[in-house]
Amino acid sequence: MKPLTHIFKGISHILLRLFIGIILLIMLLGTSFTLSYNPERTIASWKDKIIPVLKVAKTVKDLMP
């Protein structure tokens, strides 16, 4: 039973990283278009978007045993 939980923990860890990676990728693609128009506002909105994502990632990490 122990190896099974170990495998599950590994899979959940990989999925969490993938999820965060996909979010960051979408944000990168979105900002690369807006960056050419308005760099200052884009950087400000980036901070507003990234901080909650990092907080969620941290809480999910803390919840995982």
PDB file of N, CA and C in Angstrom:
ATOM      1  N   MET A   1       0.821  -1.204   0.000  1.00  0.00           N
ATOM      2  CA  MET A   1       0.000   0.000   0.000  1.00  0.00           C
ATOM      3  C   MET A   1       0.861   1.264   0.000  1.00  0.00           C
ATOM      4  N   LYS A   2       1.989   1.191   0.667  1.00  0.00           N
ATOM      5  CA  LYS A   2       2.868   2.362   0.751  1.00  0.00           C
ATOM      6  C   LYS A   2       3.386   2.829  -0.618  1.00  0.00           C
ATOM      7  N   PRO A   3       3.845   1.925  -1.491  1.00  0.00           N
ATOM      8  CA  PRO A   3       4.308   2.393  -2.799  1.00  0.00           C
ATOM      9  C   PRO A   3       3.197   3.074  -3.603  1.00  0.00           C
ATOM     10  N   LEU A   4       1.953   2.635  -3.408  1.00  0.00           N
ATOM     11  CA  LEU A   4       0.827   3.197  -4.154  1.00  0.00           C
ATOM     12  C   LEU A   4       0.626   4.672  -3.789  1.00  0.00           C
ATOM     13  N   THR A   5       0.673   4.982  -2.507  1.00  0.00           N
ATOM     14  CA  THR A   5       0.525   6.382  -2.074  1.00  0.00           C
ATOM     15  C   THR A   5       1.715   7.209  -2.538  1.00  0.00           C
ATOM     16  N   HIS A   6       2.878   6.584  -2.578  1.00  0.00           N
ATOM     17  CA  HIS A   6       4.082   7.269  -3.046  1.00  0.00           C
ATOM     18  C   HIS A   6       3.931   7.651  -4.518  1.00  0.00           C
ATOM     19  N   ILE A   7       3.417   6.711  -5.327  1.00  0.00           N
ATOM     20  CA  ILE A   7       3.184   6.949  -6.757  1.00  0.00           C
ATOM     21  C   ILE A   7       2.141   8.059  -6.929  1.00  0.00           C
ATOM     22  N   PHE A   8       1.064   7.986  -6.138  1.00  0.00           N
ATOM     23  CA  PHE A   8       0.012   8.993  -6.220  1.00  0.00           C
ATOM     24  C   PHE A   8       0.546  10.380  -5.879  1.00  0.00           C
ATOM     25  N   LYS A   9       1.385  10.459  -4.855  1.00  0.00           N
ATOM     26  CA  LYS A   9       1.997  11.728  -4.461  1.00  0.00           C
ATOM     27  C   LYS A   9       2.875  12.268  -5.593  1.00  0.00           C
ATOM     28  N   GLY A  10       3.600  11.383  -6.219  1.00  0.00           N
ATOM     29  CA  GLY A  10       4.454  11.778  -7.339  1.00  0.00           C
ATOM     30  C   GLY A  10       3.652  12.309  -8.503  1.00  0.00           C
ATOM     31  N   ILE A  11       2.548  11.621  -8.826  1.00  0.00           N
ATOM     32  CA  ILE A  11       1.685  12.034  -9.931  1.00  0.00           C
ATOM     33  C   ILE A  11       1.046  13.388  -9.622  1.00  0.00           C
ATOM     34  N   SER A  12       0.550  13.547  -8.399  1.00  0.00           N
ATOM     35  CA  SER A  12      -0.096  14.812  -8.021  1.00  0.00           C
ATOM     36  C   SER A  12       0.906  15.967  -8.069  1.00  0.00           C
ATOM     37  N   HIS A  13       2.144  15.690  -7.707  1.00  0.00           N
ATOM     38  CA  HIS A  13       3.198  16.701  -7.746  1.00  0.00           C
ATOM     39  C   HIS A  13       3.469  17.125  -9.189  1.00  0.00           C
ATOM     40  N   ILE A  14       3.548  16.146 -10.095  1.00  0.00           N
ATOM     41  CA  ILE A  14       3.783  16.414 -11.514  1.00  0.00           C
ATOM     42  C   ILE A  14       2.606  17.211 -12.097  1.00  0.00           C
ATOM     43  N   LEU A  15       1.372  16.794 -11.737  1.00  0.00           N
ATOM     44  CA  LEU A  15       0.189  17.489 -12.230  1.00  0.00           C
ATOM     45  C   LEU A  15       0.156  18.932 -11.740  1.00  0.00           C
ATOM     46  N   LEU A  16       0.532  19.151 -10.495  1.00  0.00           N
ATOM     47  CA  LEU A  16       0.569  20.498  -9.931  1.00  0.00           C
ATOM     48  C   LEU A  16       1.567  21.359 -10.700  1.00  0.00           C
ATOM     49  N   ARG A  17       2.726  20.808 -10.972  1.00  0.00           N
ATOM     50  CA  ARG A  17       3.746  21.552 -11.727  1.00  0.00           C
ATOM     51  C   ARG A  17       3.268  21.844 -13.140  1.00  0.00           C
ATOM     52  N   LEU A  18       2.636  20.865 -13.784  1.00  0.00           N
ATOM     53  CA  LEU A  18       2.090  21.050 -15.125  1.00  0.00           C
ATOM     54  C   LEU A  18       1.053  22.162 -15.127  1.00  0.00           C
ATOM     55  N   PHE A  19       0.150  22.110 -14.149  1.00  0.00           N
ATOM     56  CA  PHE A  19      -0.918  23.096 -14.022  1.00  0.00           C
ATOM     57  C   PHE A  19      -0.348  24.505 -13.900  1.00  0.00           C
ATOM     58  N   ILE A  20       0.639  24.668 -13.024  1.00  0.00           N
ATOM     59  CA  ILE A  20       1.278  25.977 -12.829  1.00  0.00           C
ATOM     60  C   ILE A  20       2.006  26.391 -14.115  1.00  0.00           C
ATOM     61  N   GLY A  21       2.677  25.430 -14.741  1.00  0.00           N
ATOM     62  CA  GLY A  21       3.395  25.706 -15.990  1.00  0.00           C
ATOM     63  C   GLY A  21       2.470  26.168 -17.098  1.00  0.00           C
ATOM     64  N   ILE A  22       1.299  25.519 -17.213  1.00  0.00           N
ATOM     65  CA  ILE A  22       0.315  25.886 -18.239  1.00  0.00           C
ATOM     66  C   ILE A  22      -0.219  27.291 -17.983  1.00  0.00           C
ATOM     67  N   ILE A  23      -0.521  27.593 -16.715  1.00  0.00           N
ATOM     68  CA  ILE A  23      -1.008  28.938 -16.364  1.00  0.00           C
ATOM     69  C   ILE A  23       0.031  29.992 -16.737  1.00  0.00           C
ATOM     70  N   LEU A  24       1.280  29.728 -16.376  1.00  0.00           N
ATOM     71  CA  LEU A  24       2.350  30.681 -16.680  1.00  0.00           C
ATOM     72  C   LEU A  24       2.534  30.834 -18.183  1.00  0.00           C
ATOM     73  N   LEU A  25       2.401  29.742 -18.927  1.00  0.00           N
ATOM     74  CA  LEU A  25       2.541  29.782 -20.376  1.00  0.00           C
ATOM     75  C   LEU A  25       1.445  30.631 -21.003  1.00  0.00           C
ATOM     76  N   ILE A  26       0.200  30.426 -20.544  1.00  0.00           N
ATOM     77  CA  ILE A  26      -0.934  31.208 -21.053  1.00  0.00           C
ATOM     78  C   ILE A  26      -0.711  32.692 -20.756  1.00  0.00           C
ATOM     79  N   MET A  27      -0.255  32.973 -19.539  1.00  0.00           N
ATOM     80  CA  MET A  27       0.008  34.356 -19.156  1.00  0.00           C
ATOM     81  C   MET A  27       1.130  34.956 -19.993  1.00  0.00           C
ATOM     82  N   LEU A  28       2.151  34.159 -20.269  1.00  0.00           N
ATOM     83  CA  LEU A  28       3.268  34.618 -21.097  1.00  0.00           C
ATOM     84  C   LEU A  28       2.796  34.965 -22.500  1.00  0.00           C
ATOM     85  N   LEU A  29       1.982  34.076 -23.096  1.00  0.00           N
ATOM     86  CA  LEU A  29       1.462  34.313 -24.439  1.00  0.00           C
ATOM     87  C   LEU A  29       0.573  35.545 -24.464  1.00  0.00           C
ATOM     88  N   GLY A  30      -0.280  35.670 -23.442  1.00  0.00           N
ATOM     89  CA  GLY A  30      -1.164  36.823 -23.357  1.00  0.00           C
ATOM     90  C   GLY A  30      -0.403  38.124 -23.210  1.00  0.00           C
ATOM     91  N   THR A  31       0.623  38.124 -22.361  1.00  0.00           N
ATOM     92  CA  THR A  31       1.366  39.354 -22.102  1.00  0.00           C
ATOM     93  C   THR A  31       2.314  39.688 -23.243  1.00  0.00           C
ATOM     94  N   SER A  32       2.800  38.707 -23.970  1.00  0.00           N
ATOM     95  CA  SER A  32       3.715  38.995 -25.078  1.00  0.00           C
ATOM     96  C   SER A  32       3.016  39.824 -26.156  1.00  0.00           C
ATOM     97  N   PHE A  33       1.692  39.643 -26.288  1.00  0.00           N
ATOM     98  CA  PHE A  33       0.935  40.445 -27.249  1.00  0.00           C
ATOM     99  C   PHE A  33       0.704  41.859 -26.717  1.00  0.00           C
ATOM    100  N   THR A  34       0.311  41.965 -25.438  1.00  0.00           N
ATOM    101  CA  THR A  34       0.005  43.277 -24.864  1.00  0.00           C
ATOM    102  C   THR A  34       1.274  44.061 -24.546  1.00  0.00           C
ATOM    103  N   LEU A  35       2.388  43.367 -24.374  1.00  0.00           N
ATOM    104  CA  LEU A  35       3.653  44.019 -24.042  1.00  0.00           C
ATOM    105  C   LEU A  35       4.081  44.997 -25.133  1.00  0.00           C
ATOM    106  N   SER A  36       3.820  44.644 -26.394  1.00  0.00           N
ATOM    107  CA  SER A  36       4.202  45.502 -27.513  1.00  0.00           C
ATOM    108  C   SER A  36       3.382  46.805 -27.534  1.00  0.00           C
ATOM    109  N   TYR A  37       2.177  46.778 -26.932  1.00  0.00           N
ATOM    110  CA  TYR A  37       1.337  47.975 -26.902  1.00  0.00           C
ATOM    111  C   TYR A  37       1.657  48.853 -25.691  1.00  0.00           C
ATOM    112  N   ASN A  38       1.639  48.239 -24.492  1.00  0.00           N
ATOM    113  CA  ASN A  38       1.720  49.015 -23.252  1.00  0.00           C
ATOM    114  C   ASN A  38       2.558  48.274 -22.209  1.00  0.00           C
ATOM    115  N   PRO A  39       3.870  48.458 -22.243  1.00  0.00           N
ATOM    116  CA  PRO A  39       4.747  47.685 -21.338  1.00  0.00           C
ATOM    117  C   PRO A  39       4.506  47.952 -19.848  1.00  0.00           C
ATOM    118  N   GLU A  40       4.317  49.231 -19.464  1.00  0.00           N
ATOM    119  CA  GLU A  40       4.191  49.557 -18.033  1.00  0.00           C
ATOM    120  C   GLU A  40       2.954  48.900 -17.426  1.00  0.00           C
ATOM    121  N   ARG A  41       1.824  49.023 -18.126  1.00  0.00           N
ATOM    122  CA  ARG A  41       0.580  48.466 -17.601  1.00  0.00           C
ATOM    123  C   ARG A  41       0.635  46.947 -17.569  1.00  0.00           C
ATOM    124  N   THR A  42       1.274  46.370 -18.578  1.00  0.00           N
ATOM    125  CA  THR A  42       1.374  44.910 -18.650  1.00  0.00           C
ATOM    126  C   THR A  42       2.155  44.367 -17.461  1.00  0.00           C
ATOM    127  N   ILE A  43       3.267  44.996 -17.121  1.00  0.00           N
ATOM    128  CA  ILE A  43       4.102  44.539 -16.004  1.00  0.00           C
ATOM    129  C   ILE A  43       3.318  44.660 -14.692  1.00  0.00           C
ATOM    130  N   ALA A  44       2.539  45.733 -14.562  1.00  0.00           N
ATOM    131  CA  ALA A  44       1.730  45.923 -13.361  1.00  0.00           C
ATOM    132  C   ALA A  44       0.664  44.844 -13.254  1.00  0.00           C
ATOM    133  N   SER A  45       0.009  44.529 -14.371  1.00  0.00           N
ATOM    134  CA  SER A  45      -1.038  43.497 -14.355  1.00  0.00           C
ATOM    135  C   SER A  45      -0.428  42.111 -14.131  1.00  0.00           C
ATOM    136  N   TRP A  46       0.801  41.913 -14.601  1.00  0.00           N
ATOM    137  CA  TRP A  46       1.508  40.645 -14.380  1.00  0.00           C
ATOM    138  C   TRP A  46       1.647  40.365 -12.898  1.00  0.00           C
ATOM    139  N   LYS A  47       2.059  41.401 -12.144  1.00  0.00           N
ATOM    140  CA  LYS A  47       2.239  41.253 -10.699  1.00  0.00           C
ATOM    141  C   LYS A  47       0.912  40.898 -10.041  1.00  0.00           C
ATOM    142  N   ASP A  48      -0.171  41.550 -10.488  1.00  0.00           N
ATOM    143  CA  ASP A  48      -1.494  41.279  -9.926  1.00  0.00           C
ATOM    144  C   ASP A  48      -1.947  39.854 -10.231  1.00  0.00           C
ATOM    145  N   LYS A  49      -1.518  39.321 -11.368  1.00  0.00           N
ATOM    146  CA  LYS A  49      -1.919  37.965 -11.766  1.00  0.00           C
ATOM    147  C   LYS A  49      -1.043  36.899 -11.111  1.00  0.00           C
ATOM    148  N   ILE A  50       0.245  37.144 -11.050  1.00  0.00           N
ATOM    149  CA  ILE A  50       1.192  36.116 -10.594  1.00  0.00           C
ATOM    150  C   ILE A  50       1.113  35.883  -9.092  1.00  0.00           C
ATOM    151  N   ILE A  51       0.952  36.943  -8.300  1.00  0.00           N
ATOM    152  CA  ILE A  51       0.950  36.797  -6.840  1.00  0.00           C
ATOM    153  C   ILE A  51      -0.167  35.857  -6.366  1.00  0.00           C
ATOM    154  N   PRO A  52      -1.431  36.009  -6.839  1.00  0.00           N
ATOM    155  CA  PRO A  52      -2.469  35.047  -6.421  1.00  0.00           C
ATOM    156  C   PRO A  52      -2.164  33.618  -6.858  1.00  0.00           C
ATOM    157  N   VAL A  53      -1.616  33.435  -8.047  1.00  0.00           N
ATOM    158  CA  VAL A  53      -1.284  32.095  -8.549  1.00  0.00           C
ATOM    159  C   VAL A  53      -0.252  31.444  -7.630  1.00  0.00           C
ATOM    160  N   LEU A  54       0.758  32.204  -7.242  1.00  0.00           N
ATOM    161  CA  LEU A  54       1.788  31.683  -6.343  1.00  0.00           C
ATOM    162  C   LEU A  54       1.212  31.353  -4.970  1.00  0.00           C
ATOM    163  N   LYS A  55       0.276  32.195  -4.495  1.00  0.00           N
ATOM    164  CA  LYS A  55      -0.362  31.940  -3.194  1.00  0.00           C
ATOM    165  C   LYS A  55      -1.178  30.652  -3.250  1.00  0.00           C
ATOM    166  N   VAL A  56      -1.929  30.459  -4.341  1.00  0.00           N
ATOM    167  CA  VAL A  56      -2.731  29.244  -4.507  1.00  0.00           C
ATOM    168  C   VAL A  56      -1.808  28.032  -4.565  1.00  0.00           C
ATOM    169  N   ALA A  57      -0.734  28.144  -5.337  1.00  0.00           N
ATOM    170  CA  ALA A  57       0.223  27.042  -5.459  1.00  0.00           C
ATOM    171  C   ALA A  57       0.812  26.685  -4.096  1.00  0.00           C
ATOM    172  N   LYS A  58       1.097  27.709  -3.295  1.00  0.00           N
ATOM    173  CA  LYS A  58       1.677  27.475  -1.973  1.00  0.00           C
ATOM    174  C   LYS A  58       0.678  26.784  -1.050  1.00  0.00           C
ATOM    175  N   THR A  59      -0.591  27.221  -1.086  1.00  0.00           N
ATOM    176  CA  THR A  59      -1.603  26.611  -0.217  1.00  0.00           C
ATOM    177  C   THR A  59      -1.859  25.168  -0.633  1.00  0.00           C
ATOM    178  N   VAL A  60      -1.877  24.915  -1.929  1.00  0.00           N
ATOM    179  CA  VAL A  60      -2.072  23.536  -2.427  1.00  0.00           C
ATOM    180  C   VAL A  60      -0.911  22.661  -1.966  1.00  0.00           C
ATOM    181  N   LYS A  61       0.295  23.211  -2.047  1.00  0.00           N
ATOM    182  CA  LYS A  61       1.495  22.489  -1.612  1.00  0.00           C
ATOM    183  C   LYS A  61       1.430  22.187  -0.107  1.00  0.00           C
ATOM    184  N   ASP A  62       0.945  23.171   0.662  1.00  0.00           N
ATOM    185  CA  ASP A  62       0.834  22.988   2.118  1.00  0.00           C
ATOM    186  C   ASP A  62      -0.229  21.949   2.465  1.00  0.00           C
ATOM    187  N   LEU A  63      -1.306  21.906   1.664  1.00  0.00           N
ATOM    188  CA  LEU A  63      -2.389  20.951   1.927  1.00  0.00           C
ATOM    189  C   LEU A  63      -1.946  19.517   1.646  1.00  0.00           C
ATOM    190  N   MET A  64      -1.055  19.363   0.664  1.00  0.00           N
ATOM    191  CA  MET A  64      -0.576  18.019   0.318  1.00  0.00           C
ATOM    192  C   MET A  64       0.308  17.466   1.430  1.00  0.00           C
ATOM    193  N   PRO A  65       0.087  16.218   1.805  1.00  0.00           N
ATOM    194  CA  PRO A  65       0.877  15.634   2.907  1.00  0.00           C
ATOM    195  C   PRO A  65       2.344  15.396   2.520  1.00  0.00           C
TER     196      PRO A  65
END
